[in-house]
Amino acid sequence: MTPEKRAENQTKQMTEKLNLSEDQQKQVYNLTLARAQKVKELREAQTVDREQMRALMETYNNEVAKILTVEQQEKYKTMLEDRRGGDRRGGGGGGGPRGN
């Protein structure tokens, strides 16, 4: 997927969930596009490093938060937590034997 398409999809999703204004949509799109282009460059250069990606996401999330209202920030924070939680669980159930 191209960085432009990625930014378009992310902006659309955030607009639906956070009810972004037109101005916010433009700002989110520009931030998302810049992040997607940077990620693409890192991947193409094959220099992807977890810390770089984490720092890139943290910067992005902080910049997005500056665009949002307080109410939208709360919803965005919940969106991020849901996404992170889903990734970490992985559906495994995990753990070891119980009650031994």
PDB file of N, CA and C in Angstrom:
ATOM      1  N   MET A   1       0.844  -1.173   0.000  1.00  0.00           N
ATOM      2  CA  MET A   1       0.000   0.000   0.000  1.00  0.00           C
ATOM      3  C   MET A   1       0.896   1.246   0.000  1.00  0.00           C
ATOM      4  N   THR A   2       0.508   2.223  -0.784  1.00  0.00           N
ATOM      5  CA  THR A   2       1.311   3.449  -0.875  1.00  0.00           C
ATOM      6  C   THR A   2       1.144   4.277   0.403  1.00  0.00           C
ATOM      7  N   PRO A   3       2.131   5.124   0.705  1.00  0.00           N
ATOM      8  CA  PRO A   3       1.988   6.005   1.876  1.00  0.00           C
ATOM      9  C   PRO A   3       0.729   6.878   1.782  1.00  0.00           C
ATOM     10  N   GLU A   4       0.407   7.323   0.569  1.00  0.00           N
ATOM     11  CA  GLU A   4      -0.778   8.164   0.386  1.00  0.00           C
ATOM     12  C   GLU A   4      -2.063   7.408   0.735  1.00  0.00           C
ATOM     13  N   LYS A   5      -2.144   6.163   0.265  1.00  0.00           N
ATOM     14  CA  LYS A   5      -3.330   5.349   0.542  1.00  0.00           C
ATOM     15  C   LYS A   5      -3.413   5.025   2.032  1.00  0.00           C
ATOM     16  N   ARG A   6      -2.269   4.744   2.628  1.00  0.00           N
ATOM     17  CA  ARG A   6      -2.210   4.461   4.065  1.00  0.00           C
ATOM     18  C   ARG A   6      -2.712   5.674   4.858  1.00  0.00           C
ATOM     19  N   ALA A   7      -2.232   6.865   4.478  1.00  0.00           N
ATOM     20  CA  ALA A   7      -2.632   8.094   5.163  1.00  0.00           C
ATOM     21  C   ALA A   7      -4.127   8.356   4.971  1.00  0.00           C
ATOM     22  N   GLU A   8      -4.602   8.087   3.770  1.00  0.00           N
ATOM     23  CA  GLU A   8      -6.028   8.277   3.470  1.00  0.00           C
ATOM     24  C   GLU A   8      -6.888   7.355   4.343  1.00  0.00           C
ATOM     25  N   ASN A   9      -6.505   6.082   4.414  1.00  0.00           N
ATOM     26  CA  ASN A   9      -7.256   5.107   5.211  1.00  0.00           C
ATOM     27  C   ASN A   9      -7.237   5.458   6.697  1.00  0.00           C
ATOM     28  N   GLN A  10      -6.073   5.819   7.220  1.00  0.00           N
ATOM     29  CA  GLN A  10      -5.936   6.158   8.631  1.00  0.00           C
ATOM     30  C   GLN A  10      -6.769   7.400   8.958  1.00  0.00           C
ATOM     31  N   THR A  11      -6.712   8.387   8.086  1.00  0.00           N
ATOM     32  CA  THR A  11      -7.476   9.619   8.310  1.00  0.00           C
ATOM     33  C   THR A  11      -8.970   9.332   8.294  1.00  0.00           C
ATOM     34  N   LYS A  12      -9.397   8.492   7.359  1.00  0.00           N
ATOM     35  CA  LYS A  12     -10.814   8.127   7.274  1.00  0.00           C
ATOM     36  C   LYS A  12     -11.264   7.420   8.552  1.00  0.00           C
ATOM     37  N   GLN A  13     -10.462   6.486   9.016  1.00  0.00           N
ATOM     38  CA  GLN A  13     -10.797   5.737  10.227  1.00  0.00           C
ATOM     39  C   GLN A  13     -10.877   6.675  11.439  1.00  0.00           C
ATOM     40  N   MET A  14      -9.905   7.558  11.552  1.00  0.00           N
ATOM     41  CA  MET A  14      -9.895   8.484  12.685  1.00  0.00           C
ATOM     42  C   MET A  14     -11.056   9.475  12.596  1.00  0.00           C
ATOM     43  N   THR A  15     -11.413   9.882  11.378  1.00  0.00           N
ATOM     44  CA  THR A  15     -12.529  10.804  11.189  1.00  0.00           C
ATOM     45  C   THR A  15     -13.821  10.151  11.669  1.00  0.00           C
ATOM     46  N   GLU A  16     -13.998   8.880  11.326  1.00  0.00           N
ATOM     47  CA  GLU A  16     -15.204   8.158  11.729  1.00  0.00           C
ATOM     48  C   GLU A  16     -15.266   7.964  13.241  1.00  0.00           C
ATOM     49  N   LYS A  17     -14.146   7.612  13.848  1.00  0.00           N
ATOM     50  CA  LYS A  17     -14.143   7.310  15.281  1.00  0.00           C
ATOM     51  C   LYS A  17     -14.064   8.550  16.163  1.00  0.00           C
ATOM     52  N   LEU A  18     -13.410   9.607  15.654  1.00  0.00           N
ATOM     53  CA  LEU A  18     -13.185  10.795  16.481  1.00  0.00           C
ATOM     54  C   LEU A  18     -13.966  12.019  16.014  1.00  0.00           C
ATOM     55  N   ASN A  19     -14.705  11.870  14.912  1.00  0.00           N
ATOM     56  CA  ASN A  19     -15.479  12.981  14.366  1.00  0.00           C
ATOM     57  C   ASN A  19     -14.592  14.213  14.123  1.00  0.00           C
ATOM     58  N   LEU A  20     -13.533  14.018  13.342  1.00  0.00           N
ATOM     59  CA  LEU A  20     -12.591  15.101  13.058  1.00  0.00           C
ATOM     60  C   LEU A  20     -13.233  16.175  12.184  1.00  0.00           C
ATOM     61  N   SER A  21     -12.856  17.421  12.434  1.00  0.00           N
ATOM     62  CA  SER A  21     -13.282  18.523  11.572  1.00  0.00           C
ATOM     63  C   SER A  21     -12.476  18.451  10.277  1.00  0.00           C
ATOM     64  N   GLU A  22     -12.860  19.237   9.279  1.00  0.00           N
ATOM     65  CA  GLU A  22     -12.117  19.243   8.014  1.00  0.00           C
ATOM     66  C   GLU A  22     -10.673  19.666   8.236  1.00  0.00           C
ATOM     67  N   ASP A  23     -10.472  20.675   9.064  1.00  0.00           N
ATOM     68  CA  ASP A  23      -9.113  21.149   9.343  1.00  0.00           C
ATOM     69  C   ASP A  23      -8.295  20.061  10.032  1.00  0.00           C
ATOM     70  N   GLN A  24      -8.901  19.384  10.993  1.00  0.00           N
ATOM     71  CA  GLN A  24      -8.213  18.291  11.680  1.00  0.00           C
ATOM     72  C   GLN A  24      -7.882  17.168  10.702  1.00  0.00           C
ATOM     73  N   GLN A  25      -8.800  16.873   9.782  1.00  0.00           N
ATOM     74  CA  GLN A  25      -8.556  15.814   8.805  1.00  0.00           C
ATOM     75  C   GLN A  25      -7.323  16.129   7.965  1.00  0.00           C
ATOM     76  N   LYS A  26      -7.195  17.358   7.527  1.00  0.00           N
ATOM     77  CA  LYS A  26      -6.035  17.761   6.719  1.00  0.00           C
ATOM     78  C   LYS A  26      -4.744  17.607   7.519  1.00  0.00           C
ATOM     79  N   GLN A  27      -4.781  18.050   8.770  1.00  0.00           N
ATOM     80  CA  GLN A  27      -3.584  17.960   9.605  1.00  0.00           C
ATOM     81  C   GLN A  27      -3.205  16.510   9.895  1.00  0.00           C
ATOM     82  N   VAL A  28      -4.200  15.689  10.218  1.00  0.00           N
ATOM     83  CA  VAL A  28      -3.950  14.267  10.490  1.00  0.00           C
ATOM     84  C   VAL A  28      -3.421  13.587   9.237  1.00  0.00           C
ATOM     85  N   TYR A  29      -4.012  13.892   8.084  1.00  0.00           N
ATOM     86  CA  TYR A  29      -3.552  13.301   6.834  1.00  0.00           C
ATOM     87  C   TYR A  29      -2.080  13.639   6.602  1.00  0.00           C
ATOM     88  N   ASN A  30      -1.710  14.908   6.766  1.00  0.00           N
ATOM     89  CA  ASN A  30      -0.319  15.325   6.537  1.00  0.00           C
ATOM     90  C   ASN A  30       0.644  14.632   7.496  1.00  0.00           C
ATOM     91  N   LEU A  31       0.260  14.534   8.764  1.00  0.00           N
ATOM     92  CA  LEU A  31       1.112  13.833   9.741  1.00  0.00           C
ATOM     93  C   LEU A  31       1.238  12.352   9.401  1.00  0.00           C
ATOM     94  N   THR A  32       0.124  11.741   9.048  1.00  0.00           N
ATOM     95  CA  THR A  32       0.110  10.315   8.736  1.00  0.00           C
ATOM     96  C   THR A  32       0.901  10.023   7.472  1.00  0.00           C
ATOM     97  N   LEU A  33       0.764  10.894   6.490  1.00  0.00           N
ATOM     98  CA  LEU A  33       1.520  10.728   5.250  1.00  0.00           C
ATOM     99  C   LEU A  33       3.023  10.817   5.517  1.00  0.00           C
ATOM    100  N   ALA A  34       3.440  11.793   6.302  1.00  0.00           N
ATOM    101  CA  ALA A  34       4.864  11.950   6.619  1.00  0.00           C
ATOM    102  C   ALA A  34       5.382  10.707   7.347  1.00  0.00           C
ATOM    103  N   ARG A  35       4.585  10.190   8.293  1.00  0.00           N
ATOM    104  CA  ARG A  35       4.998   8.985   9.025  1.00  0.00           C
ATOM    105  C   ARG A  35       5.071   7.785   8.090  1.00  0.00           C
ATOM    106  N   ALA A  36       4.082   7.620   7.230  1.00  0.00           N
ATOM    107  CA  ALA A  36       4.046   6.477   6.303  1.00  0.00           C
ATOM    108  C   ALA A  36       5.229   6.527   5.327  1.00  0.00           C
ATOM    109  N   GLN A  37       5.578   7.728   4.883  1.00  0.00           N
ATOM    110  CA  GLN A  37       6.728   7.859   3.977  1.00  0.00           C
ATOM    111  C   GLN A  37       8.025   7.505   4.698  1.00  0.00           C
ATOM    112  N   LYS A  38       8.152   7.917   5.948  1.00  0.00           N
ATOM    113  CA  LYS A  38       9.358   7.606   6.717  1.00  0.00           C
ATOM    114  C   LYS A  38       9.477   6.096   6.949  1.00  0.00           C
ATOM    115  N   VAL A  39       8.365   5.468   7.282  1.00  0.00           N
ATOM    116  CA  VAL A  39       8.355   4.015   7.490  1.00  0.00           C
ATOM    117  C   VAL A  39       8.753   3.298   6.199  1.00  0.00           C
ATOM    118  N   LYS A  40       8.207   3.773   5.077  1.00  0.00           N
ATOM    119  CA  LYS A  40       8.540   3.167   3.784  1.00  0.00           C
ATOM    120  C   LYS A  40      10.037   3.295   3.501  1.00  0.00           C
ATOM    121  N   GLU A  41      10.592   4.469   3.776  1.00  0.00           N
ATOM    122  CA  GLU A  41      12.039   4.680   3.563  1.00  0.00           C
ATOM    123  C   GLU A  41      12.856   3.725   4.421  1.00  0.00           C
ATOM    124  N   LEU A  42      12.476   3.587   5.676  1.00  0.00           N
ATOM    125  CA  LEU A  42      13.202   2.685   6.578  1.00  0.00           C
ATOM    126  C   LEU A  42      13.129   1.246   6.092  1.00  0.00           C
ATOM    127  N   ARG A  43      11.955   0.851   5.661  1.00  0.00           N
ATOM    128  CA  ARG A  43      11.790  -0.532   5.178  1.00  0.00           C
ATOM    129  C   ARG A  43      12.588  -0.782   3.904  1.00  0.00           C
ATOM    130  N   GLU A  44      12.550   0.193   3.000  1.00  0.00           N
ATOM    131  CA  GLU A  44      13.283   0.030   1.747  1.00  0.00           C
ATOM    132  C   GLU A  44      14.788   0.001   1.977  1.00  0.00           C
ATOM    133  N   ALA A  45      15.252   0.776   2.940  1.00  0.00           N
ATOM    134  CA  ALA A  45      16.679   0.811   3.261  1.00  0.00           C
ATOM    135  C   ALA A  45      17.067  -0.397   4.118  1.00  0.00           C
ATOM    136  N   GLN A  46      16.062  -1.156   4.516  1.00  0.00           N
ATOM    137  CA  GLN A  46      16.249  -2.331   5.367  1.00  0.00           C
ATOM    138  C   GLN A  46      17.012  -1.985   6.641  1.00  0.00           C
ATOM    139  N   THR A  47      16.653  -0.827   7.186  1.00  0.00           N
ATOM    140  CA  THR A  47      17.275  -0.404   8.443  1.00  0.00           C
ATOM    141  C   THR A  47      16.224  -0.278   9.532  1.00  0.00           C
ATOM    142  N   VAL A  48      15.143  -1.041   9.402  1.00  0.00           N
ATOM    143  CA  VAL A  48      14.068  -0.951  10.374  1.00  0.00           C
ATOM    144  C   VAL A  48      14.567  -1.463  11.714  1.00  0.00           C
ATOM    145  N   ASP A  49      14.375  -0.642  12.701  1.00  0.00           N
ATOM    146  CA  ASP A  49      14.811  -0.924  14.053  1.00  0.00           C
ATOM    147  C   ASP A  49      13.598  -0.664  14.949  1.00  0.00           C
ATOM    148  N   ARG A  50      13.334  -1.581  15.852  1.00  0.00           N
ATOM    149  CA  ARG A  50      12.151  -1.451  16.718  1.00  0.00           C
ATOM    150  C   ARG A  50      12.129  -0.112  17.449  1.00  0.00           C
ATOM    151  N   GLU A  51      13.273   0.319  17.916  1.00  0.00           N
ATOM    152  CA  GLU A  51      13.322   1.582  18.660  1.00  0.00           C
ATOM    153  C   GLU A  51      13.000   2.770  17.761  1.00  0.00           C
ATOM    154  N   GLN A  52      13.497   2.736  16.519  1.00  0.00           N
ATOM    155  CA  GLN A  52      13.183   3.812  15.573  1.00  0.00           C
ATOM    156  C   GLN A  52      11.680   3.843  15.313  1.00  0.00           C
ATOM    157  N   MET A  53      11.101   2.678  15.092  1.00  0.00           N
ATOM    158  CA  MET A  53       9.668   2.604  14.813  1.00  0.00           C
ATOM    159  C   MET A  53       8.863   3.077  16.022  1.00  0.00           C
ATOM    160  N   ARG A  54       9.279   2.670  17.193  1.00  0.00           N
ATOM    161  CA  ARG A  54       8.582   3.080  18.415  1.00  0.00           C
ATOM    162  C   ARG A  54       8.665   4.598  18.591  1.00  0.00           C
ATOM    163  N   ALA A  55       9.840   5.162  18.361  1.00  0.00           N
ATOM    164  CA  ALA A  55      10.029   6.611  18.488  1.00  0.00           C
ATOM    165  C   ALA A  55       9.185   7.349  17.447  1.00  0.00           C
ATOM    166  N   LEU A  56       9.135   6.807  16.243  1.00  0.00           N
ATOM    167  CA  LEU A  56       8.341   7.403  15.171  1.00  0.00           C
ATOM    168  C   LEU A  56       6.858   7.418  15.556  1.00  0.00           C
ATOM    169  N   MET A  57       6.370   6.303  16.095  1.00  0.00           N
ATOM    170  CA  MET A  57       4.971   6.219  16.506  1.00  0.00           C
ATOM    171  C   MET A  57       4.680   7.147  17.684  1.00  0.00           C
ATOM    172  N   GLU A  58       5.595   7.221  18.619  1.00  0.00           N
ATOM    173  CA  GLU A  58       5.395   8.080  19.787  1.00  0.00           C
ATOM    174  C   GLU A  58       5.316   9.547  19.365  1.00  0.00           C
ATOM    175  N   THR A  59       6.217   9.947  18.486  1.00  0.00           N
ATOM    176  CA  THR A  59       6.195  11.320  17.970  1.00  0.00           C
ATOM    177  C   THR A  59       4.889  11.579  17.240  1.00  0.00           C
ATOM    178  N   TYR A  60       4.491  10.646  16.394  1.00  0.00           N
ATOM    179  CA  TYR A  60       3.243  10.774  15.646  1.00  0.00           C
ATOM    180  C   TYR A  60       2.059  10.930  16.606  1.00  0.00           C
ATOM    181  N   ASN A  61       1.964  10.051  17.590  1.00  0.00           N
ATOM    182  CA  ASN A  61       0.842  10.098  18.529  1.00  0.00           C
ATOM    183  C   ASN A  61       0.811  11.412  19.302  1.00  0.00           C
ATOM    184  N   ASN A  62       1.977  11.925  19.675  1.00  0.00           N
ATOM    185  CA  ASN A  62       2.041  13.208  20.379  1.00  0.00           C
ATOM    186  C   ASN A  62       1.588  14.353  19.483  1.00  0.00           C
ATOM    187  N   GLU A  63       1.982  14.318  18.221  1.00  0.00           N
ATOM    188  CA  GLU A  63       1.585  15.364  17.274  1.00  0.00           C
ATOM    189  C   GLU A  63       0.087  15.298  16.991  1.00  0.00           C
ATOM    190  N   VAL A  64      -0.446  14.096  16.852  1.00  0.00           N
ATOM    191  CA  VAL A  64      -1.881  13.942  16.624  1.00  0.00           C
ATOM    192  C   VAL A  64      -2.647  14.490  17.830  1.00  0.00           C
ATOM    193  N   ALA A  65      -2.182  14.176  19.033  1.00  0.00           N
ATOM    194  CA  ALA A  65      -2.866  14.634  20.244  1.00  0.00           C
ATOM    195  C   ALA A  65      -2.978  16.164  20.285  1.00  0.00           C
ATOM    196  N   LYS A  66      -1.985  16.869  19.747  1.00  0.00           N
ATOM    197  CA  LYS A  66      -2.009  18.336  19.733  1.00  0.00           C
ATOM    198  C   LYS A  66      -3.127  18.875  18.848  1.00  0.00           C
ATOM    199  N   ILE A  67      -3.546  18.083  17.866  1.00  0.00           N
ATOM    200  CA  ILE A  67      -4.579  18.497  16.917  1.00  0.00           C
ATOM    201  C   ILE A  67      -5.978  18.279  17.502  1.00  0.00           C
ATOM    202  N   LEU A  68      -6.099  17.300  18.382  1.00  0.00           N
ATOM    203  CA  LEU A  68      -7.397  16.865  18.879  1.00  0.00           C
ATOM    204  C   LEU A  68      -7.891  17.682  20.067  1.00  0.00           C
ATOM    205  N   THR A  69      -9.224  17.682  20.234  1.00  0.00           N
ATOM    206  CA  THR A  69      -9.826  18.274  21.420  1.00  0.00           C
ATOM    207  C   THR A  69      -9.580  17.319  22.591  1.00  0.00           C
ATOM    208  N   VAL A  70      -9.863  17.764  23.797  1.00  0.00           N
ATOM    209  CA  VAL A  70      -9.673  16.908  24.972  1.00  0.00           C
ATOM    210  C   VAL A  70     -10.526  15.639  24.859  1.00  0.00           C
ATOM    211  N   GLU A  71     -11.770  15.799  24.428  1.00  0.00           N
ATOM    212  CA  GLU A  71     -12.665  14.646  24.272  1.00  0.00           C
ATOM    213  C   GLU A  71     -12.122  13.672  23.223  1.00  0.00           C
ATOM    214  N   GLN A  72     -11.639  14.209  22.104  1.00  0.00           N
ATOM    215  CA  GLN A  72     -11.081  13.364  21.042  1.00  0.00           C
ATOM    216  C   GLN A  72      -9.805  12.676  21.522  1.00  0.00           C
ATOM    217  N   GLN A  73      -9.012  13.363  22.329  1.00  0.00           N
ATOM    218  CA  GLN A  73      -7.778  12.764  22.853  1.00  0.00           C
ATOM    219  C   GLN A  73      -8.102  11.528  23.681  1.00  0.00           C
ATOM    220  N   GLU A  74      -9.156  11.607  24.491  1.00  0.00           N
ATOM    221  CA  GLU A  74      -9.553  10.458  25.312  1.00  0.00           C
ATOM    222  C   GLU A  74      -9.948   9.277  24.426  1.00  0.00           C
ATOM    223  N   LYS A  75     -10.732   9.547  23.383  1.00  0.00           N
ATOM    224  CA  LYS A  75     -11.147   8.484  22.461  1.00  0.00           C
ATOM    225  C   LYS A  75      -9.935   7.909  21.720  1.00  0.00           C
ATOM    226  N   TYR A  76      -9.017   8.791  21.327  1.00  0.00           N
ATOM    227  CA  TYR A  76      -7.813   8.353  20.611  1.00  0.00           C
ATOM    228  C   TYR A  76      -6.963   7.462  21.510  1.00  0.00           C
ATOM    229  N   LYS A  77      -6.833   7.867  22.759  1.00  0.00           N
ATOM    230  CA  LYS A  77      -6.062   7.078  23.723  1.00  0.00           C
ATOM    231  C   LYS A  77      -6.675   5.680  23.862  1.00  0.00           C
ATOM    232  N   THR A  78      -7.994   5.618  23.923  1.00  0.00           N
ATOM    233  CA  THR A  78      -8.688   4.330  24.006  1.00  0.00           C
ATOM    234  C   THR A  78      -8.448   3.502  22.749  1.00  0.00           C
ATOM    235  N   MET A  79      -8.491   4.167  21.579  1.00  0.00           N
ATOM    236  CA  MET A  79      -8.219   3.466  20.315  1.00  0.00           C
ATOM    237  C   MET A  79      -6.832   2.835  20.340  1.00  0.00           C
ATOM    238  N   LEU A  80      -5.846   3.599  20.810  1.00  0.00           N
ATOM    239  CA  LEU A  80      -4.470   3.095  20.852  1.00  0.00           C
ATOM    240  C   LEU A  80      -4.347   1.927  21.815  1.00  0.00           C
ATOM    241  N   GLU A  81      -4.978   2.050  22.977  1.00  0.00           N
ATOM    242  CA  GLU A  81      -4.911   0.976  23.974  1.00  0.00           C
ATOM    243  C   GLU A  81      -5.564  -0.292  23.440  1.00  0.00           C
ATOM    244  N   ASP A  82      -6.695  -0.130  22.748  1.00  0.00           N
ATOM    245  CA  ASP A  82      -7.371  -1.299  22.167  1.00  0.00           C
ATOM    246  C   ASP A  82      -6.482  -1.971  21.137  1.00  0.00           C
ATOM    247  N   ARG A  83      -5.848  -1.170  20.303  1.00  0.00           N
ATOM    248  CA  ARG A  83      -4.976  -1.709  19.253  1.00  0.00           C
ATOM    249  C   ARG A  83      -3.776  -2.418  19.880  1.00  0.00           C
ATOM    250  N   ARG A  84      -3.170  -1.787  20.855  1.00  0.00           N
ATOM    251  CA  ARG A  84      -1.995  -2.393  21.500  1.00  0.00           C
ATOM    252  C   ARG A  84      -2.372  -3.659  22.237  1.00  0.00           C
ATOM    253  N   GLY A  85      -3.481  -3.611  22.941  1.00  0.00           N
ATOM    254  CA  GLY A  85      -3.941  -4.780  23.686  1.00  0.00           C
ATOM    255  C   GLY A  85      -4.197  -5.958  22.770  1.00  0.00           C
ATOM    256  N   GLY A  86      -4.802  -5.710  21.612  1.00  0.00           N
ATOM    257  CA  GLY A  86      -5.094  -6.769  20.657  1.00  0.00           C
ATOM    258  C   GLY A  86      -3.829  -7.376  20.113  1.00  0.00           C
ATOM    259  N   ASP A  87      -2.820  -6.543  19.881  1.00  0.00           N
ATOM    260  CA  ASP A  87      -1.556  -7.041  19.349  1.00  0.00           C
ATOM    261  C   ASP A  87      -0.822  -7.889  20.365  1.00  0.00           C
ATOM    262  N   ARG A  88      -0.885  -7.506  21.615  1.00  0.00           N
ATOM    263  CA  ARG A  88      -0.107  -8.205  22.639  1.00  0.00           C
ATOM    264  C   ARG A  88      -0.703  -9.550  23.000  1.00  0.00           C
ATOM    265  N   ARG A  89      -2.006  -9.594  23.042  1.00  0.00           N
ATOM    266  CA  ARG A  89      -2.651 -10.844  23.446  1.00  0.00           C
ATOM    267  C   ARG A  89      -2.395 -11.943  22.441  1.00  0.00           C
ATOM    268  N   GLY A  90      -2.548 -11.645  21.190  1.00  0.00           N
ATOM    269  CA  GLY A  90      -2.247 -12.617  20.146  1.00  0.00           C
ATOM    270  C   GLY A  90      -3.153 -13.835  20.140  1.00  0.00           C
ATOM    271  N   GLY A  91      -4.150 -13.868  21.002  1.00  0.00           N
ATOM    272  CA  GLY A  91      -5.124 -14.962  21.000  1.00  0.00           C
ATOM    273  C   GLY A  91      -4.608 -16.263  21.569  1.00  0.00           C
ATOM    274  N   GLY A  92      -3.451 -16.268  22.202  1.00  0.00           N
ATOM    275  CA  GLY A  92      -2.854 -17.520  22.658  1.00  0.00           C
ATOM    276  C   GLY A  92      -3.403 -18.039  23.953  1.00  0.00           C
ATOM    277  N   GLY A  93      -3.826 -17.187  24.854  1.00  0.00           N
ATOM    278  CA  GLY A  93      -4.270 -17.668  26.149  1.00  0.00           C
ATOM    279  C   GLY A  93      -3.091 -17.821  27.091  1.00  0.00           C
ATOM    280  N   GLY A  94      -2.051 -18.436  26.648  1.00  0.00           N
ATOM    281  CA  GLY A  94      -0.755 -18.513  27.332  1.00  0.00           C
ATOM    282  C   GLY A  94      -0.806 -19.010  28.755  1.00  0.00           C
ATOM    283  N   GLY A  95       0.242 -18.705  29.462  1.00  0.00           N
ATOM    284  CA  GLY A  95       0.369 -19.156  30.836  1.00  0.00           C
ATOM    285  C   GLY A  95       0.755 -20.613  30.910  1.00  0.00           C
ATOM    286  N   GLY A  96       0.836 -21.097  32.076  1.00  0.00           N
ATOM    287  CA  GLY A  96       1.206 -22.492  32.246  1.00  0.00           C
ATOM    288  C   GLY A  96       0.061 -23.252  32.886  1.00  0.00           C
ATOM    289  N   PRO A  97       0.341 -24.434  33.382  1.00  0.00           N
ATOM    290  CA  PRO A  97      -0.696 -25.206  34.043  1.00  0.00           C
ATOM    291  C   PRO A  97      -1.155 -24.467  35.300  1.00  0.00           C
ATOM    292  N   ARG A  98      -2.470 -24.583  35.587  1.00  0.00           N
ATOM    293  CA  ARG A  98      -2.996 -23.886  36.767  1.00  0.00           C
ATOM    294  C   ARG A  98      -3.245 -24.864  37.896  1.00  0.00           C
ATOM    295  N   GLY A  99      -3.191 -24.326  39.094  1.00  0.00           N
ATOM    296  CA  GLY A  99      -3.583 -25.073  40.279  1.00  0.00           C
ATOM    297  C   GLY A  99      -2.641 -26.179  40.690  1.00  0.00           C
ATOM    298  N   ASN A 100      -1.405 -26.140  40.267  1.00  0.00           N
ATOM    299  CA  ASN A 100      -0.467 -27.197  40.670  1.00  0.00           C
ATOM    300  C   ASN A 100       0.316 -26.784  41.872  1.00  0.00           C
TER     301      ASN A 100
END
